Amino acid sequence: MPKMIVSIDGVVIKEVQLTKDRTSLGRRPYNDIVIDNLAVSGEHAVLQMSGNEVFVEDLNSTNGTYLNGKALKKQQLSNGDTVEIGKYKIKYVNEAASASFEKTMIIKAGSAGLTAPAASVVAPSPVEGGTGNAAIKVMSGAAAGREVALVKVVTTIGKPGVAVAAITRRPHGFVVAHVEGDNRPTLNGTSIGAEPVPLKNGDLLELAGTQMQFVQH
């Protein structure tokens, strides 16, 4: 059964099986695939399935829909294609339609560092070799001036039950995401939603009334 894998900055946030002839995608809550981001139009695109063939069609969205980096109006999807909407990447997977030749190609591409199996080999190296190159510096409160080195793959900050955020180390940098609590953390004054947000040197985080700064050495 074909499916769409939605990710942002390399972090998979949802997988959706394509079970209907028409699957809508957009920011409004009534869509089949909801992406709550201002770069996504209310009704952004639609996926139409006919047998084993799936087509993606842009619904005159504000920021456009891209397939493998090129703008599209309506186009058929092939296994492994990536639909791009804003910063979101939506990978199309249809193993039923791929022949043994396709599987052979995936193995060859992996050895060239083009697909996920290769990424899993190289991903740990920044964690081992890059420890201590980033930290969270506390700017207010009793612990002001203290730095917490981001040496683990995932570092959680905040007060359990009040507000908790997680900073995750990725091969290309760091992202922050809201984990729990009604008080959502803010990044440079903007509330962080459900999706992880990339961090840049000097970014200001506020969580449960405490101000912190993300620093990369």
Protein backbone atom coordinates (compact mmCIF):
# COMPACT_ATOMS: atom_id res chain seq x y z
CA MET A 1 0.00 0.00 0.00
CA PRO A 2 1.49 3.38 -0.95
CA LYS A 3 2.29 5.82 1.85
CA MET A 4 3.63 9.34 2.38
CA ILE A 5 6.36 9.98 4.99
CA VAL A 6 6.33 13.61 6.21
CA SER A 7 9.57 15.04 7.64
CA ILE A 8 11.20 18.38 8.43
CA ASP A 9 14.94 18.86 8.83
CA GLY A 10 15.40 15.10 8.68
CA VAL A 11 12.93 14.45 11.52
CA VAL A 12 9.99 12.22 10.53
CA ILE A 13 6.80 13.66 12.04
CA LYS A 14 4.14 11.42 10.50
CA GLU A 15 3.42 8.58 8.07
CA VAL A 16 0.15 8.43 6.16
CA GLN A 17 -1.12 5.37 4.27
CA LEU A 18 -2.85 6.26 1.00
CA THR A 19 -6.12 4.32 1.21
CA LYS A 20 -8.47 6.67 -0.65
CA ASP A 21 -8.73 7.74 -4.29
CA ARG A 22 -8.29 11.36 -3.16
CA THR A 23 -6.10 12.46 -0.24
CA SER A 24 -5.98 16.19 0.55
CA LEU A 25 -3.01 17.96 2.07
CA GLY A 26 -2.96 21.41 3.72
CA ARG A 27 -3.00 23.54 6.86
CA ARG A 28 -6.74 23.31 7.60
CA PRO A 29 -7.72 20.58 10.13
CA TYR A 30 -10.17 18.87 7.74
CA ASN A 31 -7.37 17.76 5.36
CA ASP A 32 -6.33 14.10 5.32
CA ILE A 33 -2.70 15.15 5.82
CA VAL A 34 -2.59 18.24 8.08
CA ILE A 35 0.61 20.34 8.17
CA ASP A 36 0.08 23.19 10.62
CA ASN A 37 2.54 25.72 9.23
CA LEU A 38 1.99 29.19 7.79
CA ALA A 39 4.04 28.29 4.68
CA VAL A 40 1.36 25.70 3.84
CA SER A 41 -1.91 26.85 2.25
CA GLY A 42 -5.27 25.86 3.80
CA GLU A 43 -5.86 23.50 0.87
CA HIS A 44 -2.39 23.09 -0.60
CA ALA A 45 -2.29 19.95 -2.73
CA VAL A 46 -4.13 16.72 -3.44
CA LEU A 47 -2.92 13.14 -4.01
CA GLN A 48 -5.02 11.15 -6.47
CA MET A 49 -4.69 7.37 -6.60
CA SER A 50 -5.72 5.23 -9.58
CA GLY A 51 -4.72 1.60 -9.22
CA ASN A 52 -0.99 1.59 -8.50
CA GLU A 53 -0.52 5.09 -9.91
CA VAL A 54 -0.51 8.15 -7.67
CA PHE A 55 -0.59 11.74 -8.96
CA VAL A 56 0.15 14.90 -6.95
CA GLU A 57 -1.60 18.13 -7.93
CA ASP A 58 -0.95 21.62 -6.58
CA LEU A 59 -4.19 23.46 -5.70
CA ASN A 60 -2.96 26.95 -6.68
CA SER A 61 -1.16 27.19 -3.34
CA THR A 62 0.57 30.41 -2.27
CA ASN A 63 4.09 28.94 -2.01
CA GLY A 64 3.79 26.14 -4.56
CA THR A 65 4.42 22.40 -4.48
CA TYR A 66 7.74 20.93 -5.59
CA LEU A 67 8.71 17.44 -6.73
CA ASN A 68 12.38 16.54 -6.35
CA GLY A 69 13.19 20.27 -6.31
CA LYS A 70 11.09 21.32 -9.32
CA ALA A 71 7.77 23.18 -9.20
CA LEU A 72 4.80 21.13 -10.36
CA LYS A 73 1.15 21.57 -11.31
CA LYS A 74 0.21 17.89 -11.64
CA GLN A 75 2.58 14.98 -11.93
CA GLN A 76 2.71 11.23 -11.40
CA LEU A 77 4.77 10.00 -8.46
CA SER A 78 7.40 7.26 -8.62
CA ASN A 79 8.58 5.23 -5.63
CA GLY A 80 11.10 7.30 -3.66
CA ASP A 81 9.99 10.70 -5.03
CA THR A 82 10.05 13.62 -2.58
CA VAL A 83 7.28 16.23 -2.59
CA GLU A 84 8.41 19.51 -0.99
CA ILE A 85 6.07 22.06 0.62
CA GLY A 86 7.89 24.87 2.44
CA LYS A 87 10.49 23.22 4.67
CA TYR A 88 8.54 19.96 4.72
CA LYS A 89 9.62 16.95 2.68
CA ILE A 90 7.03 14.27 1.94
CA LYS A 91 8.55 11.05 0.60
CA TYR A 92 6.37 8.78 -1.53
CA VAL A 93 6.85 5.07 -0.87
CA ASN A 94 5.09 2.47 -3.01
CA GLU A 95 6.88 -0.83 -2.60
CA ALA A 96 4.16 -2.75 -4.44
CA ALA A 97 4.95 -0.82 -7.61
CA SER A 98 8.71 -1.28 -7.36
CA ALA A 99 10.24 -4.29 -9.07
CA SER A 100 13.33 -6.20 -7.98
CA PHE A 101 15.34 -3.83 -10.17
CA GLU A 102 14.25 -0.96 -7.93
CA LYS A 103 15.46 -2.79 -4.82
CA THR A 104 18.84 -3.42 -6.45
CA MET A 105 19.12 0.29 -7.24
CA ILE A 106 18.45 1.18 -3.60
CA ILE A 107 21.37 -0.99 -2.45
CA LYS A 108 23.70 0.59 -5.02
CA ALA A 109 22.57 4.10 -4.09
CA GLY A 110 23.16 3.32 -0.41
CA SER A 111 26.81 2.49 -1.04
CA ALA A 112 27.16 5.88 -2.72
CA GLY A 113 25.74 7.61 0.35
CA LEU A 114 22.46 8.62 -1.27
CA THR A 115 19.86 6.83 0.85
CA ALA A 116 18.95 6.20 4.47
CA PRO A 117 21.12 3.07 5.03
CA ALA A 118 24.25 5.12 4.29
CA ALA A 119 23.03 7.99 6.46
CA SER A 120 22.68 5.63 9.43
CA VAL A 121 26.38 4.82 9.14
CA VAL A 122 27.60 8.43 9.04
CA ALA A 123 25.06 9.95 11.42
CA PRO A 124 26.76 8.90 14.70
CA SER A 125 30.08 10.57 13.81
CA PRO A 126 29.00 14.16 14.61
CA VAL A 127 27.74 12.90 17.98
CA GLU A 128 31.07 11.23 18.83
CA GLY A 129 33.40 13.74 17.23
CA GLY A 130 31.42 16.93 17.82
CA THR A 131 30.61 16.70 21.53
CA GLY A 132 30.87 19.95 23.43
CA ASN A 133 30.61 22.18 20.38
CA ALA A 134 27.20 23.48 21.43
CA ALA A 135 25.56 24.39 24.71
CA ILE A 136 22.55 26.01 26.33
CA LYS A 137 23.50 29.04 28.45
CA VAL A 138 21.06 30.04 31.20
CA MET A 139 20.43 33.81 31.04
CA SER A 140 18.02 34.37 33.97
CA GLY A 141 17.03 32.93 37.32
CA ALA A 142 19.13 31.31 40.05
CA ALA A 143 21.23 29.36 37.55
CA ALA A 144 22.08 32.40 35.37
CA GLY A 145 25.46 32.06 33.69
CA ARG A 146 25.45 28.26 33.81
CA GLU A 147 26.12 26.40 30.56
CA VAL A 148 24.75 22.95 29.75
CA ALA A 149 26.84 21.23 27.07
CA LEU A 150 24.75 19.43 24.44
CA VAL A 151 26.78 16.22 24.38
CA LYS A 152 23.90 13.74 24.11
CA VAL A 153 21.81 13.01 21.03
CA VAL A 154 18.74 14.29 22.91
CA THR A 155 18.91 16.79 25.80
CA THR A 156 15.70 17.65 27.64
CA ILE A 157 15.30 21.01 29.41
CA GLY A 158 12.57 22.55 31.56
CA LYS A 159 10.34 21.55 34.46
CA PRO A 160 8.40 18.24 34.19
CA GLY A 161 4.66 18.86 34.33
CA VAL A 162 5.11 22.57 33.61
CA ALA A 163 7.08 22.81 30.38
CA VAL A 164 9.61 20.46 28.83
CA ALA A 165 11.49 20.84 25.54
CA ALA A 166 13.95 18.52 23.82
CA ILE A 167 17.04 19.59 21.88
CA THR A 168 18.08 16.91 19.40
CA ARG A 169 21.48 16.69 17.71
CA ARG A 170 21.21 15.96 13.97
CA PRO A 171 24.03 15.36 11.46
CA HIS A 172 23.56 18.91 10.13
CA GLY A 173 22.84 20.76 13.38
CA PHE A 174 20.39 20.98 16.28
CA VAL A 175 16.59 21.19 16.48
CA VAL A 176 14.32 22.01 19.42
CA ALA A 177 10.82 20.59 19.98
CA HIS A 178 8.05 20.98 22.57
CA VAL A 179 7.63 17.76 24.59
CA GLU A 180 5.10 18.40 27.35
CA GLY A 181 3.34 21.08 29.38
CA ASP A 182 0.76 23.78 28.61
CA ASN A 183 3.43 26.50 28.58
CA ARG A 184 5.04 26.10 25.18
CA PRO A 185 8.67 27.20 24.86
CA THR A 186 9.43 30.21 22.68
CA LEU A 187 12.31 30.68 20.24
CA ASN A 188 13.29 34.33 19.69
CA GLY A 189 9.83 35.29 20.98
CA THR A 190 7.88 32.88 18.75
CA SER A 191 6.02 29.92 20.27
CA ILE A 192 7.34 26.51 19.22
CA GLY A 193 4.69 24.21 17.76
CA ALA A 194 4.60 20.42 17.52
CA GLU A 195 7.27 20.24 14.80
CA PRO A 196 10.99 20.53 15.62
CA VAL A 197 12.57 23.92 14.81
CA PRO A 198 16.24 24.33 13.72
CA LEU A 199 18.54 26.19 16.12
CA LYS A 200 21.13 28.82 15.14
CA ASN A 201 24.01 30.22 17.20
CA GLY A 202 22.68 32.99 19.46
CA ASP A 203 19.03 31.91 19.38
CA LEU A 204 17.10 32.80 22.55
CA LEU A 205 14.85 30.20 24.18
CA GLU A 206 12.37 30.87 26.96
CA LEU A 207 10.91 27.97 28.92
CA ALA A 208 8.85 28.07 32.13
CA GLY A 209 9.95 31.68 32.74
CA THR A 210 13.67 30.97 32.28
CA GLN A 211 15.62 32.54 29.43
CA MET A 212 18.35 30.51 27.74
CA GLN A 213 20.66 31.03 24.77
CA PHE A 214 21.80 28.41 22.28
CA VAL A 215 25.53 28.81 21.64
CA GLN A 216 27.82 26.94 19.27
CA HIS A 217 31.54 27.15 20.00
